[in-house]
C-alpha atoms as a PDB file:
ATOM      1  CA  MET A   1       6.620   1.003  15.999  1.00  0.00           C
ATOM      2  CA  LYS A   2       5.976  -0.025  19.833  1.00  0.00           C
ATOM      3  CA  LYS A   3       4.117   2.607  20.328  1.00  0.00           C
ATOM      4  CA  LEU A   4       2.170   1.861  16.991  1.00  0.00           C
ATOM      5  CA  LEU A   5       2.168  -1.266  18.193  1.00  0.00           C
ATOM      6  CA  ILE A   6       0.895  -0.485  21.612  1.00  0.00           C
ATOM      7  CA  ALA A   7      -1.686   1.602  20.406  1.00  0.00           C
ATOM      8  CA  PHE A   8      -3.288  -1.165  18.386  1.00  0.00           C
ATOM      9  CA  VAL A   9      -2.976  -3.713  20.903  1.00  0.00           C
ATOM     10  CA  LEU A  10      -5.158  -1.302  23.170  1.00  0.00           C
ATOM     11  CA  ALA A  11      -7.728  -0.275  20.772  1.00  0.00           C
ATOM     12  CA  LEU A  12      -8.566  -3.914  20.273  1.00  0.00           C
ATOM     13  CA  THR A  13      -9.367  -4.247  23.417  1.00  0.00           C
ATOM     14  CA  VAL A  14     -11.000  -1.651  24.174  1.00  0.00           C
ATOM     15  CA  ILE A  15     -13.527  -2.498  20.989  1.00  0.00           C
ATOM     16  CA  THR A  16     -13.941  -5.969  22.592  1.00  0.00           C
ATOM     17  CA  ALA A  17     -14.394  -5.115  26.141  1.00  0.00           C
ATOM     18  CA  GLY A  18     -17.488  -3.371  24.702  1.00  0.00           C
ATOM     19  CA  ALA A  19     -18.876  -6.683  23.555  1.00  0.00           C
ATOM     20  CA  THR A  20     -22.258  -8.092  25.051  1.00  0.00           C
ATOM     21  CA  PRO A  21     -23.391 -11.016  24.033  1.00  0.00           C
ATOM     22  CA  SER A  22     -26.657 -11.085  22.225  1.00  0.00           C
ATOM     23  CA  ILE A  23     -28.457 -14.078  22.646  1.00  0.00           C
ATOM     24  CA  HIS A  24     -32.027 -14.298  21.290  1.00  0.00           C
ATOM     25  CA  GLN A  25     -34.536 -17.044  22.709  1.00  0.00           C
ATOM     26  CA  ILE A  26     -37.045 -18.437  20.774  1.00  0.00           C
ATOM     27  CA  GLY A  27     -40.772 -19.567  22.351  1.00  0.00           C
ATOM     28  CA  ARG A  28     -40.957 -22.753  23.847  1.00  0.00           C
ATOM     29  CA  PRO A  29     -42.414 -24.952  21.612  1.00  0.00           C
ATOM     30  CA  THR A  30     -45.605 -26.882  22.867  1.00  0.00           C
ATOM     31  CA  PRO A  31     -45.065 -30.863  23.220  1.00  0.00           C
ATOM     32  CA  SER A  32     -47.235 -32.004  20.588  1.00  0.00           C
ATOM     33  CA  SER A  33     -45.211 -29.723  18.404  1.00  0.00           C
ATOM     34  CA  ILE A  34     -42.305 -31.122  17.278  1.00  0.00           C
ATOM     35  CA  VAL A  35     -42.513 -29.731  13.927  1.00  0.00           C
ATOM     36  CA  ALA A  36     -42.593 -26.039  15.447  1.00  0.00           C
ATOM     37  CA  TYR A  37     -39.608 -26.909  17.930  1.00  0.00           C
ATOM     38  CA  GLN A  38     -37.630 -27.779  14.703  1.00  0.00           C
ATOM     39  CA  ASN A  39     -38.051 -24.237  12.582  1.00  0.00           C
ATOM     40  CA  GLY A  40     -37.429 -22.760  15.620  1.00  0.00           C
ATOM     41  CA  TYR A  41     -33.944 -24.768  15.915  1.00  0.00           C
ATOM     42  CA  ASN A  42     -33.184 -24.497  12.219  1.00  0.00           C
ATOM     43  CA  THR A  43     -34.300 -20.444  11.988  1.00  0.00           C
ATOM     44  CA  GLY A  44     -31.474 -19.624  15.632  1.00  0.00           C
ATOM     45  CA  TYR A  45     -28.945 -21.653  14.333  1.00  0.00           C
ATOM     46  CA  SER A  46     -29.477 -20.242  10.476  1.00  0.00           C
ATOM     47  CA  ARG A  47     -29.499 -16.597  12.630  1.00  0.00           C
ATOM     48  CA  GLY A  48     -26.513 -17.512  14.734  1.00  0.00           C
ATOM     49  CA  LYS A  49     -24.424 -18.691  12.095  1.00  0.00           C
ATOM     50  CA  ASN A  50     -24.892 -15.803   9.961  1.00  0.00           C
ATOM     51  CA  ARG A  51     -24.770 -13.508  12.461  1.00  0.00           C
ATOM     52  CA  ALA A  52     -21.382 -14.920  13.266  1.00  0.00           C
ATOM     53  CA  TYR A  53     -20.100 -14.774   9.034  1.00  0.00           C
ATOM     54  CA  ASP A  54     -20.955 -10.612   9.381  1.00  0.00           C
ATOM     55  CA  ASN A  55     -18.972 -10.461  12.748  1.00  0.00           C
ATOM     56  CA  THR A  56     -15.921 -12.156  11.600  1.00  0.00           C
ATOM     57  CA  ILE A  57     -15.990 -10.759   8.134  1.00  0.00           C
ATOM     58  CA  ARG A  58     -16.892  -7.265  10.214  1.00  0.00           C
ATOM     59  CA  THR A  59     -13.432  -7.812  12.316  1.00  0.00           C
ATOM     60  CA  VAL A  60     -11.643  -8.718   9.441  1.00  0.00           C
ATOM     61  CA  ALA A  61     -12.109  -5.510   7.795  1.00  0.00           C
ATOM     62  CA  ILE A  62     -11.574  -3.859  11.010  1.00  0.00           C
ATOM     63  CA  VAL A  63      -8.191  -5.284  11.520  1.00  0.00           C
ATOM     64  CA  GLY A  64      -7.206  -5.142   7.993  1.00  0.00           C
ATOM     65  CA  ALA A  65      -7.550  -1.312   7.713  1.00  0.00           C
ATOM     66  CA  ILE A  66      -6.163  -0.548  10.625  1.00  0.00           C
ATOM     67  CA  ALA A  67      -2.601  -2.530   9.332  1.00  0.00           C
ATOM     68  CA  ILE A  68      -3.137  -0.710   5.991  1.00  0.00           C
ATOM     69  CA  LEU A  69      -3.339   2.719   8.299  1.00  0.00           C
ATOM     70  CA  GLY A  70      -1.135   1.839  10.375  1.00  0.00           C
ATOM     71  CA  ILE A  71       1.770   0.881   7.463  1.00  0.00           C
ATOM     72  CA  ILE A  72       0.605   4.401   5.518  1.00  0.00           C
ATOM     73  CA  ILE A  73       1.723   6.058   8.855  1.00  0.00           C
ATOM     74  CA  TYR A  74       4.579   3.691   9.652  1.00  0.00           C
ATOM     75  CA  GLU A  75       6.077   4.566   5.760  1.00  0.00           C
ATOM     76  CA  ALA A  76       5.031   8.418   6.146  1.00  0.00           C
ATOM     77  CA  ALA A  77       6.972   8.950   9.601  1.00  0.00           C
ATOM     78  CA  ASN A  78      10.051   6.292   8.159  1.00  0.00           C
ATOM     79  CA  PRO A  79      10.340   7.152   4.247  1.00  0.00           C
ATOM     80  CA  ARG A  80      12.656   4.415   3.084  1.00  0.00           C
ATOM     81  CA  TRP A  81      12.140   5.038  -0.474  1.00  0.00           C
ATOM     82  CA  THR A  82      14.933   7.032  -1.958  1.00  0.00           C
ATOM     83  CA  THR A  83      16.875   8.059  -5.420  1.00  0.00           C
ATOM     84  CA  ASN A  84      20.062   6.769  -6.985  1.00  0.00           C
ATOM     85  CA  GLU A  85      21.511   6.158 -10.238  1.00  0.00           C
ATOM     86  CA  ASN A  86      19.144   3.147 -10.906  1.00  0.00           C
ATOM     87  CA  GLY A  87      15.997   4.852  -9.954  1.00  0.00           C
ATOM     88  CA  ILE A  88      13.600   5.251  -7.356  1.00  0.00           C
ATOM     89  CA  VAL A  89      14.364   2.161  -4.906  1.00  0.00           C
ATOM     90  CA  TYR A  90      13.642   1.105  -0.950  1.00  0.00           C
ATOM     91  CA  ARG A  91      16.496   1.216   1.190  1.00  0.00           C
ATOM     92  CA  PHE A  92      16.538  -1.202   3.722  1.00  0.00           C
END
């Protein structure tokens, strides 16, 4: 279990170590165009918010899949299910 946990932490470290900032600059509005500035700000805000949601959902899905895969591998390596007079039971 220790090796599995260490492998999981290292995998997450490698995944996040390659992250690069994604800053997208929106053109500078002219002083007479305050409406254009507000539209640019709203567009950038919406894009950033959507990207944040997408990245969060992707991270949760990947971490969840790794956790489920780790549990499956752990259970396959250390089977705790057995049979006795009560049927199929989990051995603690």
